[in-house]
Amino acid sequence: MAKNTNRLKVLRASANLSQLDTAIEAGIPQHRYWLIENGYREPTPDERSTLAKIFKVAESEVFQTPAAEATR
């Protein structure tokens, strides 16, 4: 999940958003977003979709699917 977390941080910084701003836009608590961004929690499918929309990228550009991770 480290790749996902690094990608989230890069996208958030590129969008000039704080963790709080991102969490508010995603409709989740800041602590929940922090856990996702730092690799302590997997985002739900809805959170994946919402975060991809916030950063204006495809989900696959941010998150690896478990099947894709297993083949690496």
PDB file of N, CA and C in Angstrom:
ATOM      1  N   MET A   1       0.814  -1.199   0.000  1.00  0.00           N
ATOM      2  CA  MET A   1       0.000   0.000   0.000  1.00  0.00           C
ATOM      3  C   MET A   1       0.855   1.260   0.000  1.00  0.00           C
ATOM      4  N   ALA A   2       2.156   1.142   0.159  1.00  0.00           N
ATOM      5  CA  ALA A   2       3.023   2.321   0.210  1.00  0.00           C
ATOM      6  C   ALA A   2       2.924   3.158  -1.054  1.00  0.00           C
ATOM      7  N   LYS A   3       2.815   2.508  -2.212  1.00  0.00           N
ATOM      8  CA  LYS A   3       2.691   3.261  -3.457  1.00  0.00           C
ATOM      9  C   LYS A   3       1.426   4.118  -3.426  1.00  0.00           C
ATOM     10  N   ASN A   4       0.333   3.550  -2.952  1.00  0.00           N
ATOM     11  CA  ASN A   4      -0.917   4.310  -2.858  1.00  0.00           C
ATOM     12  C   ASN A   4      -0.746   5.529  -1.974  1.00  0.00           C
ATOM     13  N   THR A   5      -0.103   5.359  -0.837  1.00  0.00           N
ATOM     14  CA  THR A   5       0.020   6.468   0.095  1.00  0.00           C
ATOM     15  C   THR A   5       0.879   7.570  -0.494  1.00  0.00           C
ATOM     16  N   ASN A   6       1.981   7.204  -1.123  1.00  0.00           N
ATOM     17  CA  ASN A   6       2.839   8.216  -1.730  1.00  0.00           C
ATOM     18  C   ASN A   6       2.085   8.954  -2.831  1.00  0.00           C
ATOM     19  N   ARG A   7       1.325   8.238  -3.628  1.00  0.00           N
ATOM     20  CA  ARG A   7       0.573   8.859  -4.715  1.00  0.00           C
ATOM     21  C   ARG A   7      -0.466   9.840  -4.166  1.00  0.00           C
ATOM     22  N   LEU A   8      -1.143   9.459  -3.097  1.00  0.00           N
ATOM     23  CA  LEU A   8      -2.121  10.370  -2.496  1.00  0.00           C
ATOM     24  C   LEU A   8      -1.454  11.650  -2.022  1.00  0.00           C
ATOM     25  N   LYS A   9      -0.314  11.532  -1.387  1.00  0.00           N
ATOM     26  CA  LYS A   9       0.399  12.710  -0.896  1.00  0.00           C
ATOM     27  C   LYS A   9       0.815  13.617  -2.048  1.00  0.00           C
ATOM     28  N   VAL A  10       1.309  13.024  -3.125  1.00  0.00           N
ATOM     29  CA  VAL A  10       1.737  13.801  -4.289  1.00  0.00           C
ATOM     30  C   VAL A  10       0.538  14.504  -4.925  1.00  0.00           C
ATOM     31  N   LEU A  11      -0.544  13.780  -5.114  1.00  0.00           N
ATOM     32  CA  LEU A  11      -1.739  14.379  -5.719  1.00  0.00           C
ATOM     33  C   LEU A  11      -2.307  15.494  -4.850  1.00  0.00           C
ATOM     34  N   ARG A  12      -2.331  15.266  -3.556  1.00  0.00           N
ATOM     35  CA  ARG A  12      -2.861  16.279  -2.643  1.00  0.00           C
ATOM     36  C   ARG A  12      -1.990  17.536  -2.674  1.00  0.00           C
ATOM     37  N   ALA A  13      -0.684  17.349  -2.665  1.00  0.00           N
ATOM     38  CA  ALA A  13       0.226  18.495  -2.719  1.00  0.00           C
ATOM     39  C   ALA A  13       0.074  19.234  -4.048  1.00  0.00           C
ATOM     40  N   SER A  14      -0.057  18.486  -5.135  1.00  0.00           N
ATOM     41  CA  SER A  14      -0.235  19.102  -6.460  1.00  0.00           C
ATOM     42  C   SER A  14      -1.528  19.913  -6.540  1.00  0.00           C
ATOM     43  N   ALA A  15      -2.547  19.438  -5.826  1.00  0.00           N
ATOM     44  CA  ALA A  15      -3.832  20.141  -5.806  1.00  0.00           C
ATOM     45  C   ALA A  15      -3.834  21.271  -4.787  1.00  0.00           C
ATOM     46  N   ASN A  16      -2.728  21.419  -4.065  1.00  0.00           N
ATOM     47  CA  ASN A  16      -2.599  22.473  -3.063  1.00  0.00           C
ATOM     48  C   ASN A  16      -3.668  22.355  -1.976  1.00  0.00           C
ATOM     49  N   LEU A  17      -3.921  21.110  -1.549  1.00  0.00           N
ATOM     50  CA  LEU A  17      -4.923  20.853  -0.518  1.00  0.00           C
ATOM     51  C   LEU A  17      -4.254  20.335   0.749  1.00  0.00           C
ATOM     52  N   SER A  18      -4.801  20.694   1.883  1.00  0.00           N
ATOM     53  CA  SER A  18      -4.349  20.116   3.144  1.00  0.00           C
ATOM     54  C   SER A  18      -5.085  18.791   3.343  1.00  0.00           C
ATOM     55  N   GLN A  19      -4.649  18.023   4.317  1.00  0.00           N
ATOM     56  CA  GLN A  19      -5.384  16.802   4.639  1.00  0.00           C
ATOM     57  C   GLN A  19      -6.806  17.141   5.075  1.00  0.00           C
ATOM     58  N   LEU A  20      -6.958  18.213   5.833  1.00  0.00           N
ATOM     59  CA  LEU A  20      -8.289  18.618   6.272  1.00  0.00           C
ATOM     60  C   LEU A  20      -9.172  18.998   5.089  1.00  0.00           C
ATOM     61  N   ASP A  21      -8.638  19.787   4.162  1.00  0.00           N
ATOM     62  CA  ASP A  21      -9.407  20.172   2.967  1.00  0.00           C
ATOM     63  C   ASP A  21      -9.845  18.938   2.182  1.00  0.00           C
ATOM     64  N   THR A  22      -8.931  18.002   2.025  1.00  0.00           N
ATOM     65  CA  THR A  22      -9.223  16.784   1.264  1.00  0.00           C
ATOM     66  C   THR A  22     -10.292  15.964   1.967  1.00  0.00           C
ATOM     67  N   ALA A  23     -10.156  15.819   3.264  1.00  0.00           N
ATOM     68  CA  ALA A  23     -11.133  15.051   4.038  1.00  0.00           C
ATOM     69  C   ALA A  23     -12.520  15.684   3.948  1.00  0.00           C
ATOM     70  N   ILE A  24     -12.585  16.997   4.062  1.00  0.00           N
ATOM     71  CA  ILE A  24     -13.872  17.690   3.978  1.00  0.00           C
ATOM     72  C   ILE A  24     -14.500  17.464   2.609  1.00  0.00           C
ATOM     73  N   GLU A  25     -13.699  17.610   1.559  1.00  0.00           N
ATOM     74  CA  GLU A  25     -14.226  17.385   0.203  1.00  0.00           C
ATOM     75  C   GLU A  25     -14.692  15.950   0.016  1.00  0.00           C
ATOM     76  N   ALA A  26     -13.984  15.009   0.645  1.00  0.00           N
ATOM     77  CA  ALA A  26     -14.331  13.590   0.512  1.00  0.00           C
ATOM     78  C   ALA A  26     -15.481  13.185   1.426  1.00  0.00           C
ATOM     79  N   GLY A  27     -15.829  14.060   2.376  1.00  0.00           N
ATOM     80  CA  GLY A  27     -16.915  13.753   3.285  1.00  0.00           C
ATOM     81  C   GLY A  27     -16.540  12.727   4.345  1.00  0.00           C
ATOM     82  N   ILE A  28     -15.259  12.718   4.719  1.00  0.00           N
ATOM     83  CA  ILE A  28     -14.797  11.785   5.752  1.00  0.00           C
ATOM     84  C   ILE A  28     -14.055  12.567   6.834  1.00  0.00           C
ATOM     85  N   PRO A  29     -13.941  11.995   8.026  1.00  0.00           N
ATOM     86  CA  PRO A  29     -13.188  12.682   9.079  1.00  0.00           C
ATOM     87  C   PRO A  29     -11.708  12.818   8.696  1.00  0.00           C
ATOM     88  N   GLN A  30     -11.085  13.882   9.157  1.00  0.00           N
ATOM     89  CA  GLN A  30      -9.673  14.105   8.839  1.00  0.00           C
ATOM     90  C   GLN A  30      -8.815  12.935   9.289  1.00  0.00           C
ATOM     91  N   HIS A  31      -9.101  12.397  10.463  1.00  0.00           N
ATOM     92  CA  HIS A  31      -8.305  11.279  10.966  1.00  0.00           C
ATOM     93  C   HIS A  31      -8.415  10.070  10.033  1.00  0.00           C
ATOM     94  N   ARG A  32      -9.598   9.823   9.507  1.00  0.00           N
ATOM     95  CA  ARG A  32      -9.794   8.712   8.559  1.00  0.00           C
ATOM     96  C   ARG A  32      -8.930   8.953   7.320  1.00  0.00           C
ATOM     97  N   TYR A  33      -8.946  10.169   6.795  1.00  0.00           N
ATOM     98  CA  TYR A  33      -8.121  10.453   5.620  1.00  0.00           C
ATOM     99  C   TYR A  33      -6.641  10.256   5.955  1.00  0.00           C
ATOM    100  N   TRP A  34      -6.217  10.730   7.113  1.00  0.00           N
ATOM    101  CA  TRP A  34      -4.825  10.577   7.531  1.00  0.00           C
ATOM    102  C   TRP A  34      -4.442   9.096   7.564  1.00  0.00           C
ATOM    103  N   LEU A  35      -5.327   8.260   8.110  1.00  0.00           N
ATOM    104  CA  LEU A  35      -5.065   6.817   8.159  1.00  0.00           C
ATOM    105  C   LEU A  35      -4.906   6.228   6.760  1.00  0.00           C
ATOM    106  N   ILE A  36      -5.745   6.664   5.827  1.00  0.00           N
ATOM    107  CA  ILE A  36      -5.657   6.179   4.446  1.00  0.00           C
ATOM    108  C   ILE A  36      -4.363   6.661   3.802  1.00  0.00           C
ATOM    109  N   GLU A  37      -4.102   7.948   3.903  1.00  0.00           N
ATOM    110  CA  GLU A  37      -2.921   8.518   3.248  1.00  0.00           C
ATOM    111  C   GLU A  37      -1.620   7.937   3.801  1.00  0.00           C
ATOM    112  N   ASN A  38      -1.608   7.575   5.063  1.00  0.00           N
ATOM    113  CA  ASN A  38      -0.393   7.041   5.675  1.00  0.00           C
ATOM    114  C   ASN A  38      -0.332   5.515   5.700  1.00  0.00           C
ATOM    115  N   GLY A  39      -1.275   4.874   5.020  1.00  0.00           N
ATOM    116  CA  GLY A  39      -1.207   3.437   4.839  1.00  0.00           C
ATOM    117  C   GLY A  39      -1.703   2.580   5.978  1.00  0.00           C
ATOM    118  N   TYR A  40      -2.432   3.166   6.904  1.00  0.00           N
ATOM    119  CA  TYR A  40      -2.946   2.399   8.032  1.00  0.00           C
ATOM    120  C   TYR A  40      -4.332   1.817   7.781  1.00  0.00           C
ATOM    121  N   ARG A  41      -5.041   2.347   6.806  1.00  0.00           N
ATOM    122  CA  ARG A  41      -6.375   1.856   6.451  1.00  0.00           C
ATOM    123  C   ARG A  41      -6.523   1.844   4.937  1.00  0.00           C
ATOM    124  N   GLU A  42      -7.229   0.841   4.455  1.00  0.00           N
ATOM    125  CA  GLU A  42      -7.593   0.792   3.045  1.00  0.00           C
ATOM    126  C   GLU A  42      -8.844   1.641   2.853  1.00  0.00           C
ATOM    127  N   PRO A  43      -8.894   2.427   1.803  1.00  0.00           N
ATOM    128  CA  PRO A  43     -10.120   3.189   1.550  1.00  0.00           C
ATOM    129  C   PRO A  43     -11.229   2.264   1.056  1.00  0.00           C
ATOM    130  N   THR A  44     -12.442   2.622   1.370  1.00  0.00           N
ATOM    131  CA  THR A  44     -13.588   1.867   0.855  1.00  0.00           C
ATOM    132  C   THR A  44     -13.705   2.154  -0.642  1.00  0.00           C
ATOM    133  N   PRO A  45     -14.470   1.354  -1.360  1.00  0.00           N
ATOM    134  CA  PRO A  45     -14.682   1.649  -2.785  1.00  0.00           C
ATOM    135  C   PRO A  45     -15.231   3.061  -3.018  1.00  0.00           C
ATOM    136  N   ASP A  46     -16.144   3.504  -2.170  1.00  0.00           N
ATOM    137  CA  ASP A  46     -16.691   4.863  -2.303  1.00  0.00           C
ATOM    138  C   ASP A  46     -15.618   5.922  -2.062  1.00  0.00           C
ATOM    139  N   GLU A  47     -14.773   5.692  -1.057  1.00  0.00           N
ATOM    140  CA  GLU A  47     -13.690   6.639  -0.777  1.00  0.00           C
ATOM    141  C   GLU A  47     -12.697   6.678  -1.937  1.00  0.00           C
ATOM    142  N   ARG A  48     -12.406   5.529  -2.517  1.00  0.00           N
ATOM    143  CA  ARG A  48     -11.505   5.481  -3.683  1.00  0.00           C
ATOM    144  C   ARG A  48     -12.056   6.339  -4.813  1.00  0.00           C
ATOM    145  N   SER A  49     -13.320   6.139  -5.101  1.00  0.00           N
ATOM    146  CA  SER A  49     -13.973   6.879  -6.182  1.00  0.00           C
ATOM    147  C   SER A  49     -13.980   8.379  -5.907  1.00  0.00           C
ATOM    148  N   THR A  50     -14.339   8.742  -4.699  1.00  0.00           N
ATOM    149  CA  THR A  50     -14.414  10.154  -4.321  1.00  0.00           C
ATOM    150  C   THR A  50     -13.040  10.814  -4.377  1.00  0.00           C
ATOM    151  N   LEU A  51     -12.021  10.148  -3.850  1.00  0.00           N
ATOM    152  CA  LEU A  51     -10.681  10.733  -3.863  1.00  0.00           C
ATOM    153  C   LEU A  51     -10.168  10.884  -5.293  1.00  0.00           C
ATOM    154  N   ALA A  52     -10.425   9.911  -6.141  1.00  0.00           N
ATOM    155  CA  ALA A  52     -10.009  10.025  -7.536  1.00  0.00           C
ATOM    156  C   ALA A  52     -10.690  11.232  -8.198  1.00  0.00           C
ATOM    157  N   LYS A  53     -11.956  11.450  -7.900  1.00  0.00           N
ATOM    158  CA  LYS A  53     -12.677  12.602  -8.456  1.00  0.00           C
ATOM    159  C   LYS A  53     -12.100  13.920  -7.936  1.00  0.00           C
ATOM    160  N   ILE A  54     -11.776  13.958  -6.652  1.00  0.00           N
ATOM    161  CA  ILE A  54     -11.194  15.176  -6.076  1.00  0.00           C
ATOM    162  C   ILE A  54      -9.901  15.536  -6.796  1.00  0.00           C
ATOM    163  N   PHE A  55      -9.077  14.521  -7.070  1.00  0.00           N
ATOM    164  CA  PHE A  55      -7.779  14.765  -7.704  1.00  0.00           C
ATOM    165  C   PHE A  55      -7.842  14.729  -9.232  1.00  0.00           C
ATOM    166  N   LYS A  56      -9.050  14.489  -9.765  1.00  0.00           N
ATOM    167  CA  LYS A  56      -9.290  14.497 -11.213  1.00  0.00           C
ATOM    168  C   LYS A  56      -8.393  13.507 -11.961  1.00  0.00           C
ATOM    169  N   VAL A  57      -8.339  12.293 -11.416  1.00  0.00           N
ATOM    170  CA  VAL A  57      -7.588  11.199 -12.041  1.00  0.00           C
ATOM    171  C   VAL A  57      -8.426   9.929 -11.963  1.00  0.00           C
ATOM    172  N   ALA A  58      -8.043   8.936 -12.737  1.00  0.00           N
ATOM    173  CA  ALA A  58      -8.704   7.633 -12.667  1.00  0.00           C
ATOM    174  C   ALA A  58      -8.298   6.935 -11.374  1.00  0.00           C
ATOM    175  N   GLU A  59      -9.211   6.142 -10.833  1.00  0.00           N
ATOM    176  CA  GLU A  59      -8.891   5.402  -9.611  1.00  0.00           C
ATOM    177  C   GLU A  59      -7.616   4.580  -9.774  1.00  0.00           C
ATOM    178  N   SER A  60      -7.444   3.995 -10.945  1.00  0.00           N
ATOM    179  CA  SER A  60      -6.271   3.148 -11.190  1.00  0.00           C
ATOM    180  C   SER A  60      -4.962   3.934 -11.149  1.00  0.00           C
ATOM    181  N   GLU A  61      -5.039   5.246 -11.294  1.00  0.00           N
ATOM    182  CA  GLU A  61      -3.836   6.071 -11.199  1.00  0.00           C
ATOM    183  C   GLU A  61      -3.435   6.325  -9.748  1.00  0.00           C
ATOM    184  N   VAL A  62      -4.354   6.082  -8.835  1.00  0.00           N
ATOM    185  CA  VAL A  62      -4.079   6.316  -7.423  1.00  0.00           C
ATOM    186  C   VAL A  62      -3.952   5.001  -6.658  1.00  0.00           C
ATOM    187  N   PHE A  63      -4.879   4.091  -6.909  1.00  0.00           N
ATOM    188  CA  PHE A  63      -4.971   2.874  -6.121  1.00  0.00           C
ATOM    189  C   PHE A  63      -4.712   1.638  -6.965  1.00  0.00           C
ATOM    190  N   GLN A  64      -3.952   0.729  -6.403  1.00  0.00           N
ATOM    191  CA  GLN A  64      -3.765  -0.571  -7.025  1.00  0.00           C
ATOM    192  C   GLN A  64      -4.849  -1.486  -6.502  1.00  0.00           C
ATOM    193  N   THR A  65      -5.346  -2.339  -7.362  1.00  0.00           N
ATOM    194  CA  THR A  65      -6.323  -3.329  -6.906  1.00  0.00           C
ATOM    195  C   THR A  65      -5.567  -4.458  -6.220  1.00  0.00           C
ATOM    196  N   PRO A  66      -6.192  -5.183  -5.295  1.00  0.00           N
ATOM    197  CA  PRO A  66      -5.508  -6.293  -4.644  1.00  0.00           C
ATOM    198  C   PRO A  66      -4.972  -7.322  -5.641  1.00  0.00           C
ATOM    199  N   ALA A  67      -5.688  -7.574  -6.729  1.00  0.00           N
ATOM    200  CA  ALA A  67      -5.217  -8.530  -7.725  1.00  0.00           C
ATOM    201  C   ALA A  67      -3.932  -8.020  -8.382  1.00  0.00           C
ATOM    202  N   ALA A  68      -3.874  -6.734  -8.663  1.00  0.00           N
ATOM    203  CA  ALA A  68      -2.688  -6.165  -9.291  1.00  0.00           C
ATOM    204  C   ALA A  68      -1.501  -6.217  -8.335  1.00  0.00           C
ATOM    205  N   GLU A  69      -1.745  -6.012  -7.053  1.00  0.00           N
ATOM    206  CA  GLU A  69      -0.665  -6.067  -6.070  1.00  0.00           C
ATOM    207  C   GLU A  69      -0.141  -7.482  -5.928  1.00  0.00           C
ATOM    208  N   ALA A  70      -1.011  -8.484  -6.057  1.00  0.00           N
ATOM    209  CA  ALA A  70      -0.610  -9.876  -5.890  1.00  0.00           C
ATOM    210  C   ALA A  70       0.296 -10.345  -7.015  1.00  0.00           C
ATOM    211  N   THR A  71       0.171  -9.728  -8.199  1.00  0.00           N
ATOM    212  CA  THR A  71       0.977 -10.159  -9.339  1.00  0.00           C
ATOM    213  C   THR A  71       2.348  -9.490  -9.360  1.00  0.00           C
ATOM    214  N   ARG A  72       2.578  -8.554  -8.481  1.00  0.00           N
ATOM    215  CA  ARG A  72       3.866  -7.846  -8.451  1.00  0.00           C
ATOM    216  C   ARG A  72       4.833  -8.515  -7.543  1.00  0.00           C
TER     217      ARG A  72
END
